[in-house]
C-alpha atoms as a PDB file:
ATOM      1  CA  UNK A   1     -19.579   0.259 -11.123  1.00  0.00           C
ATOM      2  CA  UNK A   2     -20.246  -2.955 -13.037  1.00  0.00           C
ATOM      3  CA  UNK A   3     -18.913  -6.392 -12.130  1.00  0.00           C
ATOM      4  CA  UNK A   4     -16.230  -6.073 -14.830  1.00  0.00           C
ATOM      5  CA  UNK A   5     -14.919  -2.762 -13.408  1.00  0.00           C
ATOM      6  CA  UNK A   6     -11.909  -4.554 -11.941  1.00  0.00           C
ATOM      7  CA  UNK A   7     -11.140  -6.212 -15.273  1.00  0.00           C
ATOM      8  CA  UNK A   8     -11.363  -2.900 -17.136  1.00  0.00           C
ATOM      9  CA  UNK A   9      -9.053  -1.261 -14.598  1.00  0.00           C
ATOM     10  CA  UNK A  10      -6.482  -4.072 -14.730  1.00  0.00           C
ATOM     11  CA  UNK A  11      -6.429  -4.284 -18.507  1.00  0.00           C
ATOM     12  CA  UNK A  12      -5.978  -0.501 -18.778  1.00  0.00           C
ATOM     13  CA  UNK A  13      -2.899  -0.570 -16.566  1.00  0.00           C
ATOM     14  CA  UNK A  14      -1.018  -3.767 -17.337  1.00  0.00           C
ATOM     15  CA  UNK A  15       0.072  -6.091 -20.120  1.00  0.00           C
ATOM     16  CA  UNK A  16      -1.396  -9.618 -20.318  1.00  0.00           C
ATOM     17  CA  UNK A  17       1.875 -11.277 -19.296  1.00  0.00           C
ATOM     18  CA  UNK A  18       2.530  -8.921 -16.368  1.00  0.00           C
ATOM     19  CA  UNK A  19       2.734 -10.803 -13.090  1.00  0.00           C
ATOM     20  CA  UNK A  20       0.903  -9.234 -10.134  1.00  0.00           C
ATOM     21  CA  UNK A  21       0.205  -9.934  -6.489  1.00  0.00           C
ATOM     22  CA  UNK A  22      -3.436 -10.246  -5.446  1.00  0.00           C
ATOM     23  CA  UNK A  23      -3.881  -9.928  -1.682  1.00  0.00           C
ATOM     24  CA  UNK A  24      -7.038 -10.815   0.266  1.00  0.00           C
ATOM     25  CA  UNK A  25      -7.216  -9.677   3.890  1.00  0.00           C
ATOM     26  CA  UNK A  26      -9.763 -10.552   6.541  1.00  0.00           C
ATOM     27  CA  UNK A  27      -9.452  -7.588   8.914  1.00  0.00           C
ATOM     28  CA  UNK A  28     -11.420  -9.408  11.605  1.00  0.00           C
ATOM     29  CA  UNK A  29      -9.156 -12.431  11.933  1.00  0.00           C
ATOM     30  CA  UNK A  30      -5.948 -11.058  10.443  1.00  0.00           C
ATOM     31  CA  UNK A  31      -5.912 -13.832   7.822  1.00  0.00           C
ATOM     32  CA  UNK A  32      -3.970 -12.865   4.699  1.00  0.00           C
ATOM     33  CA  UNK A  33      -4.034 -14.693   1.370  1.00  0.00           C
ATOM     34  CA  UNK A  34      -1.558 -13.714  -1.330  1.00  0.00           C
ATOM     35  CA  UNK A  35      -1.612 -15.094  -4.855  1.00  0.00           C
ATOM     36  CA  UNK A  36       0.822 -14.324  -7.681  1.00  0.00           C
ATOM     37  CA  UNK A  37      -0.604 -14.592 -11.193  1.00  0.00           C
ATOM     38  CA  UNK A  38      -0.437 -13.042 -14.639  1.00  0.00           C
ATOM     39  CA  UNK A  39      -2.900 -10.402 -15.725  1.00  0.00           C
ATOM     40  CA  UNK A  40      -4.196 -12.834 -18.339  1.00  0.00           C
ATOM     41  CA  UNK A  41      -5.131 -15.221 -15.511  1.00  0.00           C
ATOM     42  CA  UNK A  42      -6.458 -12.612 -13.081  1.00  0.00           C
ATOM     43  CA  UNK A  43      -9.005 -11.228 -15.563  1.00  0.00           C
ATOM     44  CA  UNK A  44     -10.498 -14.655 -16.322  1.00  0.00           C
ATOM     45  CA  UNK A  45     -14.161 -15.014 -15.247  1.00  0.00           C
ATOM     46  CA  UNK A  46     -13.470 -17.822 -12.777  1.00  0.00           C
ATOM     47  CA  UNK A  47     -10.684 -15.872 -11.068  1.00  0.00           C
ATOM     48  CA  UNK A  48     -12.870 -12.777 -10.812  1.00  0.00           C
ATOM     49  CA  UNK A  49     -15.742 -14.893  -9.472  1.00  0.00           C
ATOM     50  CA  UNK A  50     -13.436 -16.205  -6.750  1.00  0.00           C
ATOM     51  CA  UNK A  51     -12.448 -12.646  -5.783  1.00  0.00           C
ATOM     52  CA  UNK A  52     -16.099 -11.572  -5.696  1.00  0.00           C
ATOM     53  CA  UNK A  53     -16.912 -14.534  -3.440  1.00  0.00           C
ATOM     54  CA  UNK A  54     -14.076 -13.609  -1.069  1.00  0.00           C
ATOM     55  CA  UNK A  55     -15.331 -10.030  -1.051  1.00  0.00           C
ATOM     56  CA  UNK A  56     -18.864 -11.151  -0.124  1.00  0.00           C
ATOM     57  CA  UNK A  57     -17.289 -12.824   2.933  1.00  0.00           C
ATOM     58  CA  UNK A  58     -16.209  -9.356   4.118  1.00  0.00           C
ATOM     59  CA  UNK A  59     -12.635  -9.812   2.954  1.00  0.00           C
ATOM     60  CA  UNK A  60     -10.737  -6.899   1.417  1.00  0.00           C
ATOM     61  CA  UNK A  61      -9.320  -7.161  -2.120  1.00  0.00           C
ATOM     62  CA  UNK A  62      -5.986  -5.567  -3.051  1.00  0.00           C
ATOM     63  CA  UNK A  63      -3.626  -5.686  -6.033  1.00  0.00           C
ATOM     64  CA  UNK A  64      -0.005  -4.702  -6.536  1.00  0.00           C
ATOM     65  CA  UNK A  65       0.448  -1.513  -8.587  1.00  0.00           C
ATOM     66  CA  UNK A  66       3.849  -2.784  -9.699  1.00  0.00           C
ATOM     67  CA  UNK A  67       4.765  -6.010 -11.433  1.00  0.00           C
ATOM     68  CA  UNK A  68       6.430  -9.017  -9.797  1.00  0.00           C
ATOM     69  CA  UNK A  69       9.464 -10.597 -11.454  1.00  0.00           C
ATOM     70  CA  UNK A  70       9.199 -14.117 -12.916  1.00  0.00           C
ATOM     71  CA  UNK A  71      10.075 -16.783 -10.383  1.00  0.00           C
ATOM     72  CA  UNK A  72       9.548 -14.556  -7.347  1.00  0.00           C
ATOM     73  CA  UNK A  73       7.564 -16.159  -4.547  1.00  0.00           C
ATOM     74  CA  UNK A  74       6.825 -13.048  -2.489  1.00  0.00           C
ATOM     75  CA  UNK A  75       6.271  -9.320  -2.635  1.00  0.00           C
ATOM     76  CA  UNK A  76       9.360  -7.751  -1.142  1.00  0.00           C
ATOM     77  CA  UNK A  77      11.032  -4.840  -2.905  1.00  0.00           C
ATOM     78  CA  UNK A  78      13.542  -7.238  -4.458  1.00  0.00           C
ATOM     79  CA  UNK A  79      10.614  -9.192  -5.959  1.00  0.00           C
ATOM     80  CA  UNK A  80       9.282  -6.152  -7.833  1.00  0.00           C
ATOM     81  CA  UNK A  81      10.270  -6.292 -11.494  1.00  0.00           C
ATOM     82  CA  UNK A  82       9.199  -2.886 -12.794  1.00  0.00           C
ATOM     83  CA  UNK A  83       7.824   0.305 -11.284  1.00  0.00           C
ATOM     84  CA  UNK A  84       4.704   0.656 -13.434  1.00  0.00           C
ATOM     85  CA  UNK A  85       2.934   3.127 -11.140  1.00  0.00           C
ATOM     86  CA  UNK A  86       3.586   5.808  -8.575  1.00  0.00           C
ATOM     87  CA  UNK A  87       0.842   6.732  -6.132  1.00  0.00           C
ATOM     88  CA  UNK A  88      -0.198   8.892  -3.224  1.00  0.00           C
ATOM     89  CA  UNK A  89      -2.674   7.949  -0.495  1.00  0.00           C
ATOM     90  CA  UNK A  90      -4.729  10.766   1.058  1.00  0.00           C
ATOM     91  CA  UNK A  91      -6.524  10.045   4.339  1.00  0.00           C
ATOM     92  CA  UNK A  92      -6.787  13.423   6.070  1.00  0.00           C
ATOM     93  CA  UNK A  93      -8.511  16.432   4.471  1.00  0.00           C
ATOM     94  CA  UNK A  94      -8.219  14.305   1.351  1.00  0.00           C
ATOM     95  CA  UNK A  95     -10.475  16.168  -1.082  1.00  0.00           C
ATOM     96  CA  UNK A  96      -8.780  19.512  -0.369  1.00  0.00           C
ATOM     97  CA  UNK A  97      -5.278  18.078  -0.666  1.00  0.00           C
ATOM     98  CA  UNK A  98      -6.000  16.191  -3.877  1.00  0.00           C
ATOM     99  CA  UNK A  99      -7.560  19.317  -5.413  1.00  0.00           C
ATOM    100  CA  UNK A 100      -4.544  21.407  -4.422  1.00  0.00           C
ATOM    101  CA  UNK A 101      -2.224  18.861  -5.995  1.00  0.00           C
ATOM    102  CA  UNK A 102      -4.230  18.803  -9.217  1.00  0.00           C
ATOM    103  CA  UNK A 103      -4.127  22.598  -9.354  1.00  0.00           C
ATOM    104  CA  UNK A 104      -0.348  22.505  -9.537  1.00  0.00           C
ATOM    105  CA  UNK A 105       0.669  23.240 -13.122  1.00  0.00           C
ATOM    106  CA  UNK A 106       3.917  21.305 -12.751  1.00  0.00           C
ATOM    107  CA  UNK A 107       2.186  18.080 -11.676  1.00  0.00           C
ATOM    108  CA  UNK A 108       1.103  15.505 -14.285  1.00  0.00           C
ATOM    109  CA  UNK A 109      -2.597  14.671 -14.435  1.00  0.00           C
ATOM    110  CA  UNK A 110      -3.288  11.447 -12.523  1.00  0.00           C
ATOM    111  CA  UNK A 111      -4.444   8.466 -14.515  1.00  0.00           C
ATOM    112  CA  UNK A 112      -6.825   7.405 -11.747  1.00  0.00           C
ATOM    113  CA  UNK A 113      -8.291   8.764  -8.545  1.00  0.00           C
ATOM    114  CA  UNK A 114      -9.482   5.796  -6.503  1.00  0.00           C
ATOM    115  CA  UNK A 115     -12.267   6.357  -3.970  1.00  0.00           C
ATOM    116  CA  UNK A 116     -10.868   3.816  -1.519  1.00  0.00           C
ATOM    117  CA  UNK A 117     -12.942   4.835   1.526  1.00  0.00           C
ATOM    118  CA  UNK A 118     -15.516   7.538   2.265  1.00  0.00           C
ATOM    119  CA  UNK A 119     -13.696  10.832   1.778  1.00  0.00           C
ATOM    120  CA  UNK A 120     -10.323   9.134   1.208  1.00  0.00           C
ATOM    121  CA  UNK A 121      -8.465   8.757  -2.085  1.00  0.00           C
ATOM    122  CA  UNK A 122      -5.571   6.936  -3.705  1.00  0.00           C
ATOM    123  CA  UNK A 123      -4.106   8.866  -6.639  1.00  0.00           C
ATOM    124  CA  UNK A 124      -2.289   6.791  -9.256  1.00  0.00           C
ATOM    125  CA  UNK A 125      -0.047   7.588 -12.241  1.00  0.00           C
ATOM    126  CA  UNK A 126       1.085   5.111 -14.900  1.00  0.00           C
ATOM    127  CA  UNK A 127       4.832   5.438 -15.412  1.00  0.00           C
ATOM    128  CA  UNK A 128       7.789   4.040 -17.323  1.00  0.00           C
ATOM    129  CA  UNK A 129      11.532   4.532 -17.158  1.00  0.00           C
ATOM    130  CA  UNK A 130      11.622   4.593 -13.347  1.00  0.00           C
ATOM    131  CA  UNK A 131      14.103   2.703 -11.185  1.00  0.00           C
ATOM    132  CA  UNK A 132      12.437   1.403  -8.034  1.00  0.00           C
ATOM    133  CA  UNK A 133      14.336   3.786  -5.747  1.00  0.00           C
ATOM    134  CA  UNK A 134      13.510   6.659  -8.074  1.00  0.00           C
ATOM    135  CA  UNK A 135       9.789   5.860  -7.903  1.00  0.00           C
ATOM    136  CA  UNK A 136       9.911   5.732  -4.105  1.00  0.00           C
ATOM    137  CA  UNK A 137      11.686   9.087  -3.952  1.00  0.00           C
ATOM    138  CA  UNK A 138       8.937  10.655  -6.087  1.00  0.00           C
ATOM    139  CA  UNK A 139       6.309   9.212  -3.734  1.00  0.00           C
ATOM    140  CA  UNK A 140       8.153  10.504  -0.663  1.00  0.00           C
ATOM    141  CA  UNK A 141       8.311  13.900  -2.355  1.00  0.00           C
ATOM    142  CA  UNK A 142       4.520  13.902  -2.726  1.00  0.00           C
ATOM    143  CA  UNK A 143       4.196  13.098   0.974  1.00  0.00           C
ATOM    144  CA  UNK A 144       6.297  16.134   1.857  1.00  0.00           C
ATOM    145  CA  UNK A 145       4.742  18.418  -0.750  1.00  0.00           C
ATOM    146  CA  UNK A 146       1.054  17.547  -0.506  1.00  0.00           C
ATOM    147  CA  UNK A 147       0.549  15.842   2.862  1.00  0.00           C
ATOM    148  CA  UNK A 148      -0.050  12.336   1.516  1.00  0.00           C
ATOM    149  CA  UNK A 149       0.219   9.306   3.808  1.00  0.00           C
ATOM    150  CA  UNK A 150       3.925   8.579   4.531  1.00  0.00           C
ATOM    151  CA  UNK A 151       3.175   4.838   4.810  1.00  0.00           C
ATOM    152  CA  UNK A 152       2.330   4.684   1.094  1.00  0.00           C
ATOM    153  CA  UNK A 153       5.766   5.181  -0.445  1.00  0.00           C
ATOM    154  CA  UNK A 154       7.112   1.683  -1.141  1.00  0.00           C
ATOM    155  CA  UNK A 155       6.978   0.015  -4.551  1.00  0.00           C
ATOM    156  CA  UNK A 156       5.987  -3.345  -3.053  1.00  0.00           C
ATOM    157  CA  UNK A 157       2.767  -2.313  -1.354  1.00  0.00           C
ATOM    158  CA  UNK A 158      -0.746  -3.186  -2.536  1.00  0.00           C
ATOM    159  CA  UNK A 159      -3.700  -0.884  -3.194  1.00  0.00           C
ATOM    160  CA  UNK A 160      -7.432  -1.509  -3.234  1.00  0.00           C
ATOM    161  CA  UNK A 161      -8.850  -2.878  -6.460  1.00  0.00           C
ATOM    162  CA  UNK A 162     -11.747  -0.844  -7.924  1.00  0.00           C
ATOM    163  CA  UNK A 163     -15.007  -2.707  -8.340  1.00  0.00           C
ATOM    164  CA  UNK A 164     -14.842  -4.414  -4.951  1.00  0.00           C
ATOM    165  CA  UNK A 165     -16.332  -3.406  -1.626  1.00  0.00           C
ATOM    166  CA  UNK A 166     -14.420  -1.968   1.319  1.00  0.00           C
ATOM    167  CA  UNK A 167     -15.889  -3.635   4.425  1.00  0.00           C
ATOM    168  CA  UNK A 168     -14.131  -1.574   7.078  1.00  0.00           C
ATOM    169  CA  UNK A 169     -17.255   0.409   7.849  1.00  0.00           C
ATOM    170  CA  UNK A 170     -20.722  -0.331   9.147  1.00  0.00           C
ATOM    171  CA  UNK A 171     -21.932   0.747   5.698  1.00  0.00           C
ATOM    172  CA  UNK A 172     -19.918  -1.067   2.972  1.00  0.00           C
ATOM    173  CA  UNK A 173     -18.147   1.261   0.553  1.00  0.00           C
ATOM    174  CA  UNK A 174     -17.725   0.426  -3.145  1.00  0.00           C
ATOM    175  CA  UNK A 175     -14.182   1.226  -4.314  1.00  0.00           C
ATOM    176  CA  UNK A 176     -14.465   3.393  -7.436  1.00  0.00           C
ATOM    177  CA  UNK A 177     -12.032   4.676 -10.055  1.00  0.00           C
ATOM    178  CA  UNK A 178     -12.214   8.081 -11.735  1.00  0.00           C
ATOM    179  CA  UNK A 179     -10.137   7.872 -14.905  1.00  0.00           C
ATOM    180  CA  UNK A 180      -8.525  11.195 -15.818  1.00  0.00           C
ATOM    181  CA  UNK A 181      -5.713  10.443 -18.279  1.00  0.00           C
ATOM    182  CA  UNK A 182      -4.397   7.778 -20.654  1.00  0.00           C
ATOM    183  CA  UNK A 183      -0.818   9.077 -20.601  1.00  0.00           C
ATOM    184  CA  UNK A 184       2.224   7.189 -19.361  1.00  0.00           C
ATOM    185  CA  UNK A 185       4.644   9.446 -17.482  1.00  0.00           C
ATOM    186  CA  UNK A 186       8.436   9.465 -17.179  1.00  0.00           C
ATOM    187  CA  UNK A 187      10.608  10.785 -14.328  1.00  0.00           C
ATOM    188  CA  UNK A 188      11.013  14.143 -16.041  1.00  0.00           C
ATOM    189  CA  UNK A 189       7.219  14.597 -15.954  1.00  0.00           C
ATOM    190  CA  UNK A 190       7.431  15.338 -12.204  1.00  0.00           C
ATOM    191  CA  UNK A 191       8.732  18.453 -10.455  1.00  0.00           C
ATOM    192  CA  UNK A 192      11.847  18.284  -8.322  1.00  0.00           C
ATOM    193  CA  UNK A 193      10.465  18.012  -4.813  1.00  0.00           C
ATOM    194  CA  UNK A 194      12.301  19.376  -1.801  1.00  0.00           C
ATOM    195  CA  UNK A 195      14.613  16.745  -0.303  1.00  0.00           C
ATOM    196  CA  UNK A 196      14.093  17.642   3.353  1.00  0.00           C
ATOM    197  CA  UNK A 197      11.283  18.541   5.697  1.00  0.00           C
ATOM    198  CA  UNK A 198      11.424  20.218   9.122  1.00  0.00           C
ATOM    199  CA  UNK A 199      12.237  17.804  11.949  1.00  0.00           C
ATOM    200  CA  UNK A 200       8.974  18.555  13.766  1.00  0.00           C
ATOM    201  CA  UNK A 201       7.063  17.196  10.767  1.00  0.00           C
ATOM    202  CA  UNK A 202       9.144  14.027  10.613  1.00  0.00           C
ATOM    203  CA  UNK A 203       8.811  13.495  14.354  1.00  0.00           C
ATOM    204  CA  UNK A 204       5.050  13.897  14.279  1.00  0.00           C
ATOM    205  CA  UNK A 205       4.349  11.845  11.161  1.00  0.00           C
ATOM    206  CA  UNK A 206       7.075   9.210  11.134  1.00  0.00           C
ATOM    207  CA  UNK A 207       8.054   8.824  14.780  1.00  0.00           C
ATOM    208  CA  UNK A 208      11.763   9.258  14.058  1.00  0.00           C
ATOM    209  CA  UNK A 209      12.421  11.099  17.326  1.00  0.00           C
ATOM    210  CA  UNK A 210      10.984  10.775  20.817  1.00  0.00           C
ATOM    211  CA  UNK A 211       9.736  13.895  22.537  1.00  0.00           C
ATOM    212  CA  UNK A 212      12.312  13.538  25.347  1.00  0.00           C
ATOM    213  CA  UNK A 213      15.183  13.220  22.888  1.00  0.00           C
ATOM    214  CA  UNK A 214      16.033   9.691  24.028  1.00  0.00           C
ATOM    215  CA  UNK A 215      17.130   7.084  21.454  1.00  0.00           C
ATOM    216  CA  UNK A 216      14.409   4.861  20.022  1.00  0.00           C
ATOM    217  CA  UNK A 217      14.561   1.401  21.615  1.00  0.00           C
ATOM    218  CA  UNK A 218      14.754  -1.838  19.658  1.00  0.00           C
ATOM    219  CA  UNK A 219      11.269  -2.726  20.924  1.00  0.00           C
ATOM    220  CA  UNK A 220       9.960   0.495  19.401  1.00  0.00           C
ATOM    221  CA  UNK A 221      11.683  -0.375  16.137  1.00  0.00           C
ATOM    222  CA  UNK A 222      10.129  -3.838  16.221  1.00  0.00           C
ATOM    223  CA  UNK A 223       6.716  -2.247  16.777  1.00  0.00           C
ATOM    224  CA  UNK A 224       7.210   0.169  13.883  1.00  0.00           C
ATOM    225  CA  UNK A 225       8.395  -2.663  11.619  1.00  0.00           C
ATOM    226  CA  UNK A 226       5.347  -4.773  12.480  1.00  0.00           C
ATOM    227  CA  UNK A 227       2.849  -1.963  11.870  1.00  0.00           C
ATOM    228  CA  UNK A 228       4.482  -0.891   8.596  1.00  0.00           C
ATOM    229  CA  UNK A 229       4.572  -4.381   7.097  1.00  0.00           C
ATOM    230  CA  UNK A 230       1.105  -5.378   8.317  1.00  0.00           C
ATOM    231  CA  UNK A 231      -0.358  -2.137   6.935  1.00  0.00           C
ATOM    232  CA  UNK A 232       0.899  -2.970   3.464  1.00  0.00           C
ATOM    233  CA  UNK A 233      -0.680  -6.432   3.611  1.00  0.00           C
ATOM    234  CA  UNK A 234       2.277  -8.668   4.496  1.00  0.00           C
ATOM    235  CA  UNK A 235       1.609 -12.071   6.055  1.00  0.00           C
ATOM    236  CA  UNK A 236       1.583 -11.654   9.876  1.00  0.00           C
ATOM    237  CA  UNK A 237       3.443 -14.952  10.299  1.00  0.00           C
ATOM    238  CA  UNK A 238       6.279 -13.776   8.070  1.00  0.00           C
ATOM    239  CA  UNK A 239       6.438 -10.431   9.885  1.00  0.00           C
ATOM    240  CA  UNK A 240       6.695 -12.252  13.216  1.00  0.00           C
ATOM    241  CA  UNK A 241       9.333 -14.586  11.807  1.00  0.00           C
ATOM    242  CA  UNK A 242      11.496 -11.671  10.660  1.00  0.00           C
ATOM    243  CA  UNK A 243      11.320 -10.035  14.107  1.00  0.00           C
ATOM    244  CA  UNK A 244      12.042 -13.326  15.846  1.00  0.00           C
ATOM    245  CA  UNK A 245      15.065 -14.034  13.657  1.00  0.00           C
ATOM    246  CA  UNK A 246      16.531 -10.638  14.450  1.00  0.00           C
ATOM    247  CA  UNK A 247      15.731 -10.915  18.157  1.00  0.00           C
ATOM    248  CA  UNK A 248      17.245 -14.389  18.390  1.00  0.00           C
ATOM    249  CA  UNK A 249      20.621 -12.623  18.432  1.00  0.00           C
ATOM    250  CA  UNK A 250      19.572 -10.799  21.595  1.00  0.00           C
ATOM    251  CA  UNK A 251      20.150 -12.750  24.816  1.00  0.00           C
ATOM    252  CA  UNK A 252      17.508 -10.661  26.611  1.00  0.00           C
ATOM    253  CA  UNK A 253      14.790 -12.648  24.886  1.00  0.00           C
ATOM    254  CA  UNK A 254      14.792 -16.315  25.902  1.00  0.00           C
ATOM    255  CA  UNK A 255      11.786 -16.885  23.623  1.00  0.00           C
ATOM    256  CA  UNK A 256      12.057 -14.489  20.648  1.00  0.00           C
ATOM    257  CA  UNK A 257       9.283 -16.257  18.748  1.00  0.00           C
ATOM    258  CA  UNK A 258       6.775 -15.675  21.555  1.00  0.00           C
ATOM    259  CA  UNK A 259       7.895 -12.042  21.823  1.00  0.00           C
ATOM    260  CA  UNK A 260       7.539 -11.540  18.068  1.00  0.00           C
ATOM    261  CA  UNK A 261       4.080 -13.147  17.984  1.00  0.00           C
ATOM    262  CA  UNK A 262       2.863 -10.873  20.788  1.00  0.00           C
ATOM    263  CA  UNK A 263       4.280  -7.799  19.035  1.00  0.00           C
ATOM    264  CA  UNK A 264       2.590  -8.673  15.741  1.00  0.00           C
ATOM    265  CA  UNK A 265      -0.699  -9.568  17.461  1.00  0.00           C
ATOM    266  CA  UNK A 266      -0.850  -6.217  19.259  1.00  0.00           C
ATOM    267  CA  UNK A 267       0.129  -4.316  16.101  1.00  0.00           C
ATOM    268  CA  UNK A 268      -2.536  -6.099  14.076  1.00  0.00           C
ATOM    269  CA  UNK A 269      -5.161  -5.354  16.736  1.00  0.00           C
ATOM    270  CA  UNK A 270      -4.272  -1.665  16.730  1.00  0.00           C
ATOM    271  CA  UNK A 271      -4.293  -1.471  12.933  1.00  0.00           C
ATOM    272  CA  UNK A 272      -7.713  -3.132  12.829  1.00  0.00           C
ATOM    273  CA  UNK A 273      -9.042  -0.624  15.344  1.00  0.00           C
ATOM    274  CA  UNK A 274      -7.665   2.236  13.244  1.00  0.00           C
ATOM    275  CA  UNK A 275      -9.050   0.707  10.037  1.00  0.00           C
ATOM    276  CA  UNK A 276     -12.552   0.579  11.501  1.00  0.00           C
ATOM    277  CA  UNK A 277     -12.441   4.360  11.905  1.00  0.00           C
ATOM    278  CA  UNK A 278     -11.445   4.985   8.256  1.00  0.00           C
END
């Protein structure tokens, strides 16, 4: 792909005045940089040159599929203005699962299939007329129906930007985009997915139930919160702050900030170890 591949991809999917989050992550140190800017600014040569420089320093480049409302300073769900895309992330047996999904006559043709990692794909549809909750329900339906990654179902997450290199592997991997459709889809373009899935599936994939039937502890919930938010590119300091603020109500923790920092540090270390295998 050429150096302007990212620009072509962005301009095909957004309007010039759309506001997006650009996230740069150093998986080695855990450093996260997030910048909010309009599409018009992001596609400028100097901005793209800055992203390419960051990428040459073995930092990962991500962009928000959905637009950020004017005045927002972060990338929480409340900060998302419009659901412009729905997406599915396939990590395991990805080629087979994506092919099976595309063979379904009731599924709309994806706009893009992103080669995010060797043998792993992010499938993206341009959409309109979706409420944020409605978009997330469609994405959860694709998890249940096609075996996509259950972590990739929130409208506020970021995805890899085509045209930049994924440095998670010994051999760098160029993130590519296969463009399959120019259509923009509405909610009625998608089938009605089943609302429930057997408990064994949920237990295995989402950790909603322990094998011994015991309730999930607050520490386990803190751990799950940290991993989920770090995986989507949130600032580790803000993740730790959120855990500490909640734990400050709990007298068991004399130093909730230290506890939260340790939890986030361990979660980040585990995620980095997992990322190096993908």
